[in-house]
Amino acid sequence: MKLVNFKTNKFTSYGCIIGDEIIDLGSRLKSELPDMIDVIRENQYDRIRELSETLTPDFNLEDIEFNIPIKTPEKIICIGVNYGNRNAEYKDGSDAPKYPSLFLRTPGSFVGHNQNILRPPESEQLDYEGEIVIVVGKGGRRIKPENFAEHIFGLTIMNEGTIRDWVRHAKFNVTQGKNFAKSASIGPWIVTADEFNSYDNLSIETRVNGEIRQNDSISNMIFKFPYLLSYLSTFFELKPGDIIATGTPVGAGARFDPPIWLKPDDVIEVHVPSIGTLKNSVKDESIMG
């Protein structure tokens, strides 16, 4: 099932996608499950799936605005340098990582599908990073790798937009360059775990203005889903609705010579065949006096 958070000109809600239409579940369940994250927290997926089978759609996709799939996750965890040839891109002579690199992002640094990503006035070095994203269903600590699938609610897509010169703005962290307001995107929807027979053969492609910049398979990940859920839950308590961005392949704009930064009116599409396509355009952030 594809689940979407959306907005009309009158209200916000969530629902399931049937073809090019949406069944509005949030309006029908607002007293019990007012938001999609409540469906996950209360383990009510079977209920909404059964309900959706009895209803007719309420809206066309073209008539709604996409919100990020989980509006208020407790954590947005991002994994760095997680494809086999990404470490070599840094050209620093370092060995392959023994453990995942990671950082956190805030919900306000993202927009939804078909929304504009903003390039801030502080820098022209806005870059793209296409990523496959895990949405945590069942939370936990010290999850065993062999049990990882029990903890996945579904998958979505991220363009993990980055302001490159602010990633190195301080000595030890990347937080600044990863959290500019509306500099990245998530969506368009969540494809629930029951739609996947396996997580072994997912592929991802990032296009800028139609040109393929990134193209890789999850099989090339250094740290795959079972390890990530086990490792992260060693120190975090993973919670329902948490977001885990699993890393980006080679081919980000910073790695070209010279670098190719995103500019206004560029169109970025991140495509995962079993999920869909996340599409956004770039605009300059307007500064209010």
C-alpha atoms as a PDB file:
ATOM      1  CA  MET A   1       0.000   0.000   0.000  1.00  0.00           C
ATOM      2  CA  LYS A   2       1.115   3.559  -0.708  1.00  0.00           C
ATOM      3  CA  LEU A   3       0.402   5.938   2.181  1.00  0.00           C
ATOM      4  CA  VAL A   4       0.624   9.690   1.766  1.00  0.00           C
ATOM      5  CA  ASN A   5       0.436  12.802   3.929  1.00  0.00           C
ATOM      6  CA  PHE A   6      -1.282  15.572   1.985  1.00  0.00           C
ATOM      7  CA  LYS A   7      -2.855  18.987   2.106  1.00  0.00           C
ATOM      8  CA  THR A   8      -5.879  20.455   0.332  1.00  0.00           C
ATOM      9  CA  ASN A   9      -6.958  24.082   0.273  1.00  0.00           C
ATOM     10  CA  LYS A  10      -9.072  23.349   3.366  1.00  0.00           C
ATOM     11  CA  PHE A  11      -7.232  20.830   5.564  1.00  0.00           C
ATOM     12  CA  THR A  12      -4.348  18.403   5.988  1.00  0.00           C
ATOM     13  CA  SER A  13      -4.816  14.646   6.188  1.00  0.00           C
ATOM     14  CA  TYR A  14      -3.344  11.286   5.232  1.00  0.00           C
ATOM     15  CA  GLY A  15      -4.566   8.456   3.094  1.00  0.00           C
ATOM     16  CA  CYS A  16      -3.797   5.621   0.720  1.00  0.00           C
ATOM     17  CA  ILE A  17      -3.202   5.932  -2.995  1.00  0.00           C
ATOM     18  CA  ILE A  18      -5.267   3.934  -5.470  1.00  0.00           C
ATOM     19  CA  GLY A  19      -3.985   4.566  -8.979  1.00  0.00           C
ATOM     20  CA  ASP A  20      -4.011   8.352  -9.376  1.00  0.00           C
ATOM     21  CA  GLU A  21      -6.459   8.957  -6.532  1.00  0.00           C
ATOM     22  CA  ILE A  22      -6.422   9.144  -2.730  1.00  0.00           C
ATOM     23  CA  ILE A  23      -8.725   7.646  -0.144  1.00  0.00           C
ATOM     24  CA  ASP A  24      -8.811  10.145   2.723  1.00  0.00           C
ATOM     25  CA  LEU A  25      -8.299   8.068   5.860  1.00  0.00           C
ATOM     26  CA  GLY A  26      -7.288  10.872   8.203  1.00  0.00           C
ATOM     27  CA  SER A  27     -10.652  12.657   8.025  1.00  0.00           C
ATOM     28  CA  ARG A  28     -12.486   9.431   8.795  1.00  0.00           C
ATOM     29  CA  LEU A  29     -10.223   8.413  11.686  1.00  0.00           C
ATOM     30  CA  LYS A  30      -9.212  11.798  13.095  1.00  0.00           C
ATOM     31  CA  SER A  31     -10.681  11.183  16.557  1.00  0.00           C
ATOM     32  CA  GLU A  32      -8.664   7.970  16.982  1.00  0.00           C
ATOM     33  CA  LEU A  33      -5.701   8.183  14.587  1.00  0.00           C
ATOM     34  CA  PRO A  34      -5.308  11.860  13.691  1.00  0.00           C
ATOM     35  CA  ASP A  35      -1.959  11.494  11.899  1.00  0.00           C
ATOM     36  CA  MET A  36      -0.086   8.820   9.973  1.00  0.00           C
ATOM     37  CA  ILE A  37       2.452   8.507  12.769  1.00  0.00           C
ATOM     38  CA  ASP A  38      -0.430   7.508  15.061  1.00  0.00           C
ATOM     39  CA  VAL A  39      -1.242   4.624  12.718  1.00  0.00           C
ATOM     40  CA  ILE A  40       2.342   3.423  13.103  1.00  0.00           C
ATOM     41  CA  ARG A  41       2.569   3.999  16.854  1.00  0.00           C
ATOM     42  CA  GLU A  42      -0.722   2.219  17.509  1.00  0.00           C
ATOM     43  CA  ASN A  43       0.102  -0.629  15.105  1.00  0.00           C
ATOM     44  CA  GLN A  44      -3.097   0.000  13.151  1.00  0.00           C
ATOM     45  CA  TYR A  45      -1.887  -0.753   9.628  1.00  0.00           C
ATOM     46  CA  ASP A  46      -4.149  -3.791   9.196  1.00  0.00           C
ATOM     47  CA  ARG A  47      -7.118  -1.689  10.189  1.00  0.00           C
ATOM     48  CA  ILE A  48      -6.499   1.061   7.639  1.00  0.00           C
ATOM     49  CA  ARG A  49      -5.757  -1.505   4.926  1.00  0.00           C
ATOM     50  CA  GLU A  50      -9.070  -3.238   5.544  1.00  0.00           C
ATOM     51  CA  LEU A  51     -10.896   0.106   5.708  1.00  0.00           C
ATOM     52  CA  SER A  52      -9.387   1.254   2.431  1.00  0.00           C
ATOM     53  CA  GLU A  53     -10.735  -1.842   0.686  1.00  0.00           C
ATOM     54  CA  THR A  54     -14.313  -0.697   1.409  1.00  0.00           C
ATOM     55  CA  LEU A  55     -13.998   2.970   0.364  1.00  0.00           C
ATOM     56  CA  THR A  56     -13.953   4.933  -2.855  1.00  0.00           C
ATOM     57  CA  PRO A  57     -11.310   7.642  -3.496  1.00  0.00           C
ATOM     58  CA  ASP A  58     -11.892  11.233  -2.414  1.00  0.00           C
ATOM     59  CA  PHE A  59      -9.250  13.210  -4.328  1.00  0.00           C
ATOM     60  CA  ASN A  60      -7.115  13.098  -7.430  1.00  0.00           C
ATOM     61  CA  LEU A  61      -3.367  13.328  -6.846  1.00  0.00           C
ATOM     62  CA  GLU A  62      -3.247  16.440  -9.015  1.00  0.00           C
ATOM     63  CA  ASP A  63      -5.626  18.207  -6.612  1.00  0.00           C
ATOM     64  CA  ILE A  64      -3.514  17.859  -3.453  1.00  0.00           C
ATOM     65  CA  GLU A  65      -0.189  19.132  -2.138  1.00  0.00           C
ATOM     66  CA  PHE A  66       2.261  16.558  -0.819  1.00  0.00           C
ATOM     67  CA  ASN A  67       3.573  16.881   2.728  1.00  0.00           C
ATOM     68  CA  ILE A  68       6.592  14.935   3.954  1.00  0.00           C
ATOM     69  CA  PRO A  69       5.340  11.391   4.735  1.00  0.00           C
ATOM     70  CA  ILE A  70       5.988  11.575   8.496  1.00  0.00           C
ATOM     71  CA  LYS A  71       5.506  15.147   9.677  1.00  0.00           C
ATOM     72  CA  THR A  72       6.781  14.743  13.251  1.00  0.00           C
ATOM     73  CA  PRO A  73       9.281  11.892  13.536  1.00  0.00           C
ATOM     74  CA  GLU A  74      11.212  11.795  16.782  1.00  0.00           C
ATOM     75  CA  LYS A  75      14.443  11.177  14.869  1.00  0.00           C
ATOM     76  CA  ILE A  76      15.665  11.618  11.307  1.00  0.00           C
ATOM     77  CA  ILE A  77      18.884   9.606  11.202  1.00  0.00           C
ATOM     78  CA  CYS A  78      21.117   9.930   8.160  1.00  0.00           C
ATOM     79  CA  ILE A  79      23.901   7.496   7.246  1.00  0.00           C
ATOM     80  CA  GLY A  80      26.981   8.807   5.432  1.00  0.00           C
ATOM     81  CA  VAL A  81      29.487   7.118   3.093  1.00  0.00           C
ATOM     82  CA  ASN A  82      27.511   3.877   2.809  1.00  0.00           C
ATOM     83  CA  TYR A  83      28.070   2.710  -0.774  1.00  0.00           C
ATOM     84  CA  GLY A  84      31.123   0.647  -1.631  1.00  0.00           C
ATOM     85  CA  ASN A  85      32.788   3.211  -3.889  1.00  0.00           C
ATOM     86  CA  ARG A  86      31.792   6.336  -1.921  1.00  0.00           C
ATOM     87  CA  ASN A  87      34.788   6.195   0.417  1.00  0.00           C
ATOM     88  CA  ALA A  88      37.141   6.376  -2.574  1.00  0.00           C
ATOM     89  CA  GLU A  89      35.340   9.537  -3.747  1.00  0.00           C
ATOM     90  CA  TYR A  90      36.856  11.418  -0.823  1.00  0.00           C
ATOM     91  CA  LYS A  91      40.382  10.725  -2.112  1.00  0.00           C
ATOM     92  CA  ASP A  92      41.806  10.943   1.405  1.00  0.00           C
ATOM     93  CA  GLY A  93      43.512   7.555   1.459  1.00  0.00           C
ATOM     94  CA  SER A  94      41.360   6.287   4.319  1.00  0.00           C
ATOM     95  CA  ASP A  95      40.350   2.645   4.741  1.00  0.00           C
ATOM     96  CA  ALA A  96      36.763   1.535   4.282  1.00  0.00           C
ATOM     97  CA  PRO A  97      34.744   2.465   7.396  1.00  0.00           C
ATOM     98  CA  LYS A  98      34.340  -0.092  10.163  1.00  0.00           C
ATOM     99  CA  TYR A  99      31.173   1.550  11.459  1.00  0.00           C
ATOM    100  CA  PRO A 100      28.544   3.822   9.906  1.00  0.00           C
ATOM    101  CA  SER A 101      28.939   7.589   9.916  1.00  0.00           C
ATOM    102  CA  LEU A 102      25.739   9.309  10.959  1.00  0.00           C
ATOM    103  CA  PHE A 103      24.105  12.629  11.740  1.00  0.00           C
ATOM    104  CA  LEU A 104      20.630  13.943  12.521  1.00  0.00           C
ATOM    105  CA  ARG A 105      18.325  16.241  10.577  1.00  0.00           C
ATOM    106  CA  THR A 106      15.217  18.180  11.549  1.00  0.00           C
ATOM    107  CA  PRO A 107      11.780  17.896   9.891  1.00  0.00           C
ATOM    108  CA  GLY A 108      11.918  21.583   8.942  1.00  0.00           C
ATOM    109  CA  SER A 109      14.875  20.959   6.645  1.00  0.00           C
ATOM    110  CA  PHE A 110      12.591  18.980   4.285  1.00  0.00           C
ATOM    111  CA  VAL A 111       9.779  19.644   1.854  1.00  0.00           C
ATOM    112  CA  GLY A 112       7.446  17.166   0.179  1.00  0.00           C
ATOM    113  CA  HIS A 113       7.186  15.862  -3.364  1.00  0.00           C
ATOM    114  CA  ASN A 114       6.679  18.518  -6.070  1.00  0.00           C
ATOM    115  CA  GLN A 115       7.612  21.300  -3.616  1.00  0.00           C
ATOM    116  CA  ASN A 116      10.495  23.716  -4.127  1.00  0.00           C
ATOM    117  CA  ILE A 117      13.821  23.030  -2.452  1.00  0.00           C
ATOM    118  CA  LEU A 118      15.347  26.319  -1.305  1.00  0.00           C
ATOM    119  CA  ARG A 119      18.889  27.488  -1.995  1.00  0.00           C
ATOM    120  CA  PRO A 120      19.868  29.796   0.896  1.00  0.00           C
ATOM    121  CA  PRO A 121      21.528  33.175   0.316  1.00  0.00           C
ATOM    122  CA  GLU A 122      24.497  32.125   2.482  1.00  0.00           C
ATOM    123  CA  SER A 123      25.839  29.705  -0.136  1.00  0.00           C
ATOM    124  CA  GLU A 124      25.560  28.629  -3.765  1.00  0.00           C
ATOM    125  CA  GLN A 125      26.809  25.128  -2.918  1.00  0.00           C
ATOM    126  CA  LEU A 126      23.441  23.356  -2.781  1.00  0.00           C
ATOM    127  CA  ASP A 127      23.919  19.678  -3.652  1.00  0.00           C
ATOM    128  CA  TYR A 128      21.696  16.610  -4.083  1.00  0.00           C
ATOM    129  CA  GLU A 129      21.936  13.131  -2.538  1.00  0.00           C
ATOM    130  CA  GLY A 130      19.401  10.503  -3.572  1.00  0.00           C
ATOM    131  CA  GLU A 131      18.686   7.973  -0.809  1.00  0.00           C
ATOM    132  CA  ILE A 132      16.431   5.051   0.073  1.00  0.00           C
ATOM    133  CA  VAL A 133      14.745   5.633   3.423  1.00  0.00           C
ATOM    134  CA  ILE A 134      13.489   3.248   6.101  1.00  0.00           C
ATOM    135  CA  VAL A 135      10.427   4.227   8.129  1.00  0.00           C
ATOM    136  CA  VAL A 136      10.565   2.434  11.479  1.00  0.00           C
ATOM    137  CA  GLY A 137       7.422   0.562  12.474  1.00  0.00           C
ATOM    138  CA  LYS A 138       8.096  -1.451  15.599  1.00  0.00           C
ATOM    139  CA  GLY A 139      10.596   0.308  17.841  1.00  0.00           C
ATOM    140  CA  GLY A 140      13.213  -1.249  20.039  1.00  0.00           C
ATOM    141  CA  ARG A 141      16.710  -1.471  21.492  1.00  0.00           C
ATOM    142  CA  ARG A 142      19.472  -3.871  20.451  1.00  0.00           C
ATOM    143  CA  ILE A 143      17.518  -5.290  17.540  1.00  0.00           C
ATOM    144  CA  LYS A 144      18.995  -8.542  16.273  1.00  0.00           C
ATOM    145  CA  PRO A 145      20.040  -8.372  12.607  1.00  0.00           C
ATOM    146  CA  GLU A 146      17.968 -11.445  11.776  1.00  0.00           C
ATOM    147  CA  ASN A 147      14.860  -9.683  13.112  1.00  0.00           C
ATOM    148  CA  PHE A 148      15.360  -6.391  11.248  1.00  0.00           C
ATOM    149  CA  ALA A 149      12.366  -6.817   8.901  1.00  0.00           C
ATOM    150  CA  GLU A 150       9.946  -6.910  11.847  1.00  0.00           C
ATOM    151  CA  HIS A 151      10.870  -3.287  12.594  1.00  0.00           C
ATOM    152  CA  ILE A 152      10.316  -1.776   9.131  1.00  0.00           C
ATOM    153  CA  PHE A 153       6.959  -0.107   8.489  1.00  0.00           C
ATOM    154  CA  GLY A 154       7.861   0.820   4.938  1.00  0.00           C
ATOM    155  CA  LEU A 155      10.221   2.646   2.608  1.00  0.00           C
ATOM    156  CA  THR A 156      10.279   6.085   1.044  1.00  0.00           C
ATOM    157  CA  ILE A 157      12.775   8.295  -0.833  1.00  0.00           C
ATOM    158  CA  MET A 158      14.939  11.256   0.155  1.00  0.00           C
ATOM    159  CA  ASN A 159      16.861  13.932  -1.678  1.00  0.00           C
ATOM    160  CA  GLU A 160      19.221  14.679   1.183  1.00  0.00           C
ATOM    161  CA  GLY A 161      20.016  18.231   0.048  1.00  0.00           C
ATOM    162  CA  THR A 162      23.283  19.560   1.444  1.00  0.00           C
ATOM    163  CA  ILE A 163      24.981  22.950   1.626  1.00  0.00           C
ATOM    164  CA  ARG A 164      28.514  21.710   1.019  1.00  0.00           C
ATOM    165  CA  ASP A 165      30.643  24.552   2.370  1.00  0.00           C
ATOM    166  CA  TRP A 166      28.571  24.579   5.576  1.00  0.00           C
ATOM    167  CA  VAL A 167      29.196  20.854   6.076  1.00  0.00           C
ATOM    168  CA  ARG A 168      32.757  21.869   6.949  1.00  0.00           C
ATOM    169  CA  HIS A 169      31.753  25.107   8.659  1.00  0.00           C
ATOM    170  CA  ALA A 170      33.008  23.834  12.003  1.00  0.00           C
ATOM    171  CA  LYS A 171      35.749  21.397  12.950  1.00  0.00           C
ATOM    172  CA  PHE A 172      33.960  18.207  13.922  1.00  0.00           C
ATOM    173  CA  ASN A 173      30.409  18.133  12.551  1.00  0.00           C
ATOM    174  CA  VAL A 174      28.225  18.341   9.441  1.00  0.00           C
ATOM    175  CA  THR A 175      25.025  19.455  11.179  1.00  0.00           C
ATOM    176  CA  GLN A 176      24.944  23.006   9.822  1.00  0.00           C
ATOM    177  CA  GLY A 177      25.202  22.047   6.169  1.00  0.00           C
ATOM    178  CA  LYS A 178      22.598  19.326   6.577  1.00  0.00           C
ATOM    179  CA  ASN A 179      19.845  21.379   8.220  1.00  0.00           C
ATOM    180  CA  PHE A 180      19.168  24.528   6.223  1.00  0.00           C
ATOM    181  CA  ALA A 181      15.401  25.089   6.134  1.00  0.00           C
ATOM    182  CA  LYS A 182      13.647  23.387   3.208  1.00  0.00           C
ATOM    183  CA  SER A 183      16.945  22.374   1.608  1.00  0.00           C
ATOM    184  CA  ALA A 184      15.950  18.716   1.086  1.00  0.00           C
ATOM    185  CA  SER A 185      12.899  16.568   0.381  1.00  0.00           C
ATOM    186  CA  ILE A 186      11.201  13.294   1.371  1.00  0.00           C
ATOM    187  CA  GLY A 187       8.440  11.423  -0.392  1.00  0.00           C
ATOM    188  CA  PRO A 188       6.297  11.151  -2.344  1.00  0.00           C
ATOM    189  CA  TRP A 189       4.743   8.489  -0.100  1.00  0.00           C
ATOM    190  CA  ILE A 190       5.548   5.440   2.014  1.00  0.00           C
ATOM    191  CA  VAL A 191       5.335   2.022   0.376  1.00  0.00           C
ATOM    192  CA  THR A 192       4.488  -0.374   3.197  1.00  0.00           C
ATOM    193  CA  ALA A 193       6.677  -3.358   4.031  1.00  0.00           C
ATOM    194  CA  ASP A 194       4.176  -5.952   2.816  1.00  0.00           C
ATOM    195  CA  GLU A 195       4.818  -4.745  -0.753  1.00  0.00           C
ATOM    196  CA  PHE A 196       8.435  -5.976  -0.658  1.00  0.00           C
ATOM    197  CA  ASN A 197       9.397  -9.612  -1.023  1.00  0.00           C
ATOM    198  CA  SER A 198      13.016  -8.688  -0.310  1.00  0.00           C
ATOM    199  CA  TYR A 199      15.153  -5.643   0.368  1.00  0.00           C
ATOM    200  CA  ASP A 200      18.172  -7.112  -1.416  1.00  0.00           C
ATOM    201  CA  ASN A 201      17.730  -5.821  -4.963  1.00  0.00           C
ATOM    202  CA  LEU A 202      16.511  -2.249  -4.645  1.00  0.00           C
ATOM    203  CA  SER A 203      18.067   0.238  -7.039  1.00  0.00           C
ATOM    204  CA  ILE A 204      18.213   4.038  -6.995  1.00  0.00           C
ATOM    205  CA  GLU A 205      18.758   6.660  -9.690  1.00  0.00           C
ATOM    206  CA  THR A 206      19.098  10.442  -9.347  1.00  0.00           C
ATOM    207  CA  ARG A 207      18.513  12.707 -12.340  1.00  0.00           C
ATOM    208  CA  VAL A 208      19.153  16.446 -12.616  1.00  0.00           C
ATOM    209  CA  ASN A 209      17.321  18.082 -15.511  1.00  0.00           C
ATOM    210  CA  GLY A 210      16.931  14.610 -17.003  1.00  0.00           C
ATOM    211  CA  GLU A 211      20.643  13.740 -16.785  1.00  0.00           C
ATOM    212  CA  ILE A 212      21.488  10.634 -14.755  1.00  0.00           C
ATOM    213  CA  ARG A 213      23.942  11.610 -12.001  1.00  0.00           C
ATOM    214  CA  GLN A 214      23.604   8.683  -9.571  1.00  0.00           C
ATOM    215  CA  ASN A 215      22.730   5.063 -10.333  1.00  0.00           C
ATOM    216  CA  ASP A 216      23.399   2.173  -7.957  1.00  0.00           C
ATOM    217  CA  SER A 217      21.967  -0.834  -6.150  1.00  0.00           C
ATOM    218  CA  ILE A 218      21.392  -1.485  -2.473  1.00  0.00           C
ATOM    219  CA  SER A 219      23.593  -4.553  -2.932  1.00  0.00           C
ATOM    220  CA  ASN A 220      26.544  -2.135  -3.061  1.00  0.00           C
ATOM    221  CA  MET A 221      25.838  -0.782   0.426  1.00  0.00           C
ATOM    222  CA  ILE A 222      28.585  -1.261   2.996  1.00  0.00           C
ATOM    223  CA  PHE A 223      26.135  -1.368   5.888  1.00  0.00           C
ATOM    224  CA  LYS A 224      22.861  -2.968   4.837  1.00  0.00           C
ATOM    225  CA  PHE A 225      19.442  -2.755   6.475  1.00  0.00           C
ATOM    226  CA  PRO A 226      19.914  -5.567   9.047  1.00  0.00           C
ATOM    227  CA  TYR A 227      23.165  -4.093  10.311  1.00  0.00           C
ATOM    228  CA  LEU A 228      21.866  -0.509  10.373  1.00  0.00           C
ATOM    229  CA  LEU A 229      18.817  -1.335  12.490  1.00  0.00           C
ATOM    230  CA  SER A 230      20.934  -3.426  14.851  1.00  0.00           C
ATOM    231  CA  TYR A 231      23.722  -0.855  15.149  1.00  0.00           C
ATOM    232  CA  LEU A 232      21.496   2.196  15.565  1.00  0.00           C
ATOM    233  CA  SER A 233      19.331   0.498  18.196  1.00  0.00           C
ATOM    234  CA  THR A 234      22.430  -0.213  20.261  1.00  0.00           C
ATOM    235  CA  PHE A 235      22.482   3.401  21.470  1.00  0.00           C
ATOM    236  CA  PHE A 236      19.185   4.888  20.226  1.00  0.00           C
ATOM    237  CA  GLU A 237      15.826   3.625  21.275  1.00  0.00           C
ATOM    238  CA  LEU A 238      14.267   3.447  17.842  1.00  0.00           C
ATOM    239  CA  LYS A 239      10.673   4.678  17.876  1.00  0.00           C
ATOM    240  CA  PRO A 240       7.740   4.101  15.518  1.00  0.00           C
ATOM    241  CA  GLY A 241       7.879   6.716  12.781  1.00  0.00           C
ATOM    242  CA  ASP A 242      11.625   7.310  13.021  1.00  0.00           C
ATOM    243  CA  ILE A 243      13.293   7.944   9.668  1.00  0.00           C
ATOM    244  CA  ILE A 244      16.582   6.302   8.608  1.00  0.00           C
ATOM    245  CA  ALA A 245      18.182   7.611   5.402  1.00  0.00           C
ATOM    246  CA  THR A 246      20.524   4.844   4.304  1.00  0.00           C
ATOM    247  CA  GLY A 247      23.174   6.760   2.352  1.00  0.00           C
ATOM    248  CA  THR A 248      23.777   8.042  -1.165  1.00  0.00           C
ATOM    249  CA  PRO A 249      25.687   6.542  -4.116  1.00  0.00           C
ATOM    250  CA  VAL A 250      28.561   8.196  -5.944  1.00  0.00           C
ATOM    251  CA  GLY A 251      27.798  11.057  -8.292  1.00  0.00           C
ATOM    252  CA  ALA A 252      26.771  14.011  -6.103  1.00  0.00           C
ATOM    253  CA  GLY A 253      27.550  17.402  -7.591  1.00  0.00           C
ATOM    254  CA  ALA A 254      30.452  18.045  -5.223  1.00  0.00           C
ATOM    255  CA  ARG A 255      32.390  15.136  -6.765  1.00  0.00           C
ATOM    256  CA  PHE A 256      32.561  16.606 -10.278  1.00  0.00           C
ATOM    257  CA  ASP A 257      35.599  18.593 -11.373  1.00  0.00           C
ATOM    258  CA  PRO A 258      34.670  21.388 -11.183  1.00  0.00           C
ATOM    259  CA  PRO A 259      31.692  20.800  -8.839  1.00  0.00           C
ATOM    260  CA  ILE A 260      28.213  21.176 -10.312  1.00  0.00           C
ATOM    261  CA  TRP A 261      25.926  22.893  -7.805  1.00  0.00           C
ATOM    262  CA  LEU A 262      22.157  23.047  -8.048  1.00  0.00           C
ATOM    263  CA  LYS A 263      20.767  26.345  -9.277  1.00  0.00           C
ATOM    264  CA  PRO A 264      17.292  27.885  -9.481  1.00  0.00           C
ATOM    265  CA  ASP A 265      14.866  26.042 -11.790  1.00  0.00           C
ATOM    266  CA  ASP A 266      16.913  22.834 -11.773  1.00  0.00           C
ATOM    267  CA  VAL A 267      14.692  19.742 -11.473  1.00  0.00           C
ATOM    268  CA  ILE A 268      15.881  16.807  -9.357  1.00  0.00           C
ATOM    269  CA  GLU A 269      14.234  13.382  -9.624  1.00  0.00           C
ATOM    270  CA  VAL A 270      15.174  10.492  -7.347  1.00  0.00           C
ATOM    271  CA  HIS A 271      13.739   7.240  -8.666  1.00  0.00           C
ATOM    272  CA  VAL A 272      13.446   3.886  -6.899  1.00  0.00           C
ATOM    273  CA  PRO A 273      11.503   1.462  -9.148  1.00  0.00           C
ATOM    274  CA  SER A 274       9.660  -0.318  -6.329  1.00  0.00           C
ATOM    275  CA  ILE A 275       8.734   2.969  -4.597  1.00  0.00           C
ATOM    276  CA  GLY A 276       8.310   5.750  -7.163  1.00  0.00           C
ATOM    277  CA  THR A 277       9.886   9.079  -8.079  1.00  0.00           C
ATOM    278  CA  LEU A 278      10.522  12.020  -5.761  1.00  0.00           C
ATOM    279  CA  LYS A 279      10.598  15.226  -7.827  1.00  0.00           C
ATOM    280  CA  ASN A 280      11.502  18.766  -6.773  1.00  0.00           C
ATOM    281  CA  SER A 281      12.617  22.030  -8.309  1.00  0.00           C
ATOM    282  CA  VAL A 282      15.107  24.533  -6.875  1.00  0.00           C
ATOM    283  CA  LYS A 283      14.294  28.124  -5.965  1.00  0.00           C
ATOM    284  CA  ASP A 284      16.286  30.781  -4.160  1.00  0.00           C
ATOM    285  CA  GLU A 285      15.119  31.403  -0.617  1.00  0.00           C
ATOM    286  CA  SER A 286      13.536  34.808  -0.295  1.00  0.00           C
ATOM    287  CA  ILE A 287      14.741  36.892   2.628  1.00  0.00           C
ATOM    288  CA  MET A 288      12.129  38.740   4.628  1.00  0.00           C
ATOM    289  CA  GLY A 289      13.263  42.003   6.144  1.00  0.00           C
END
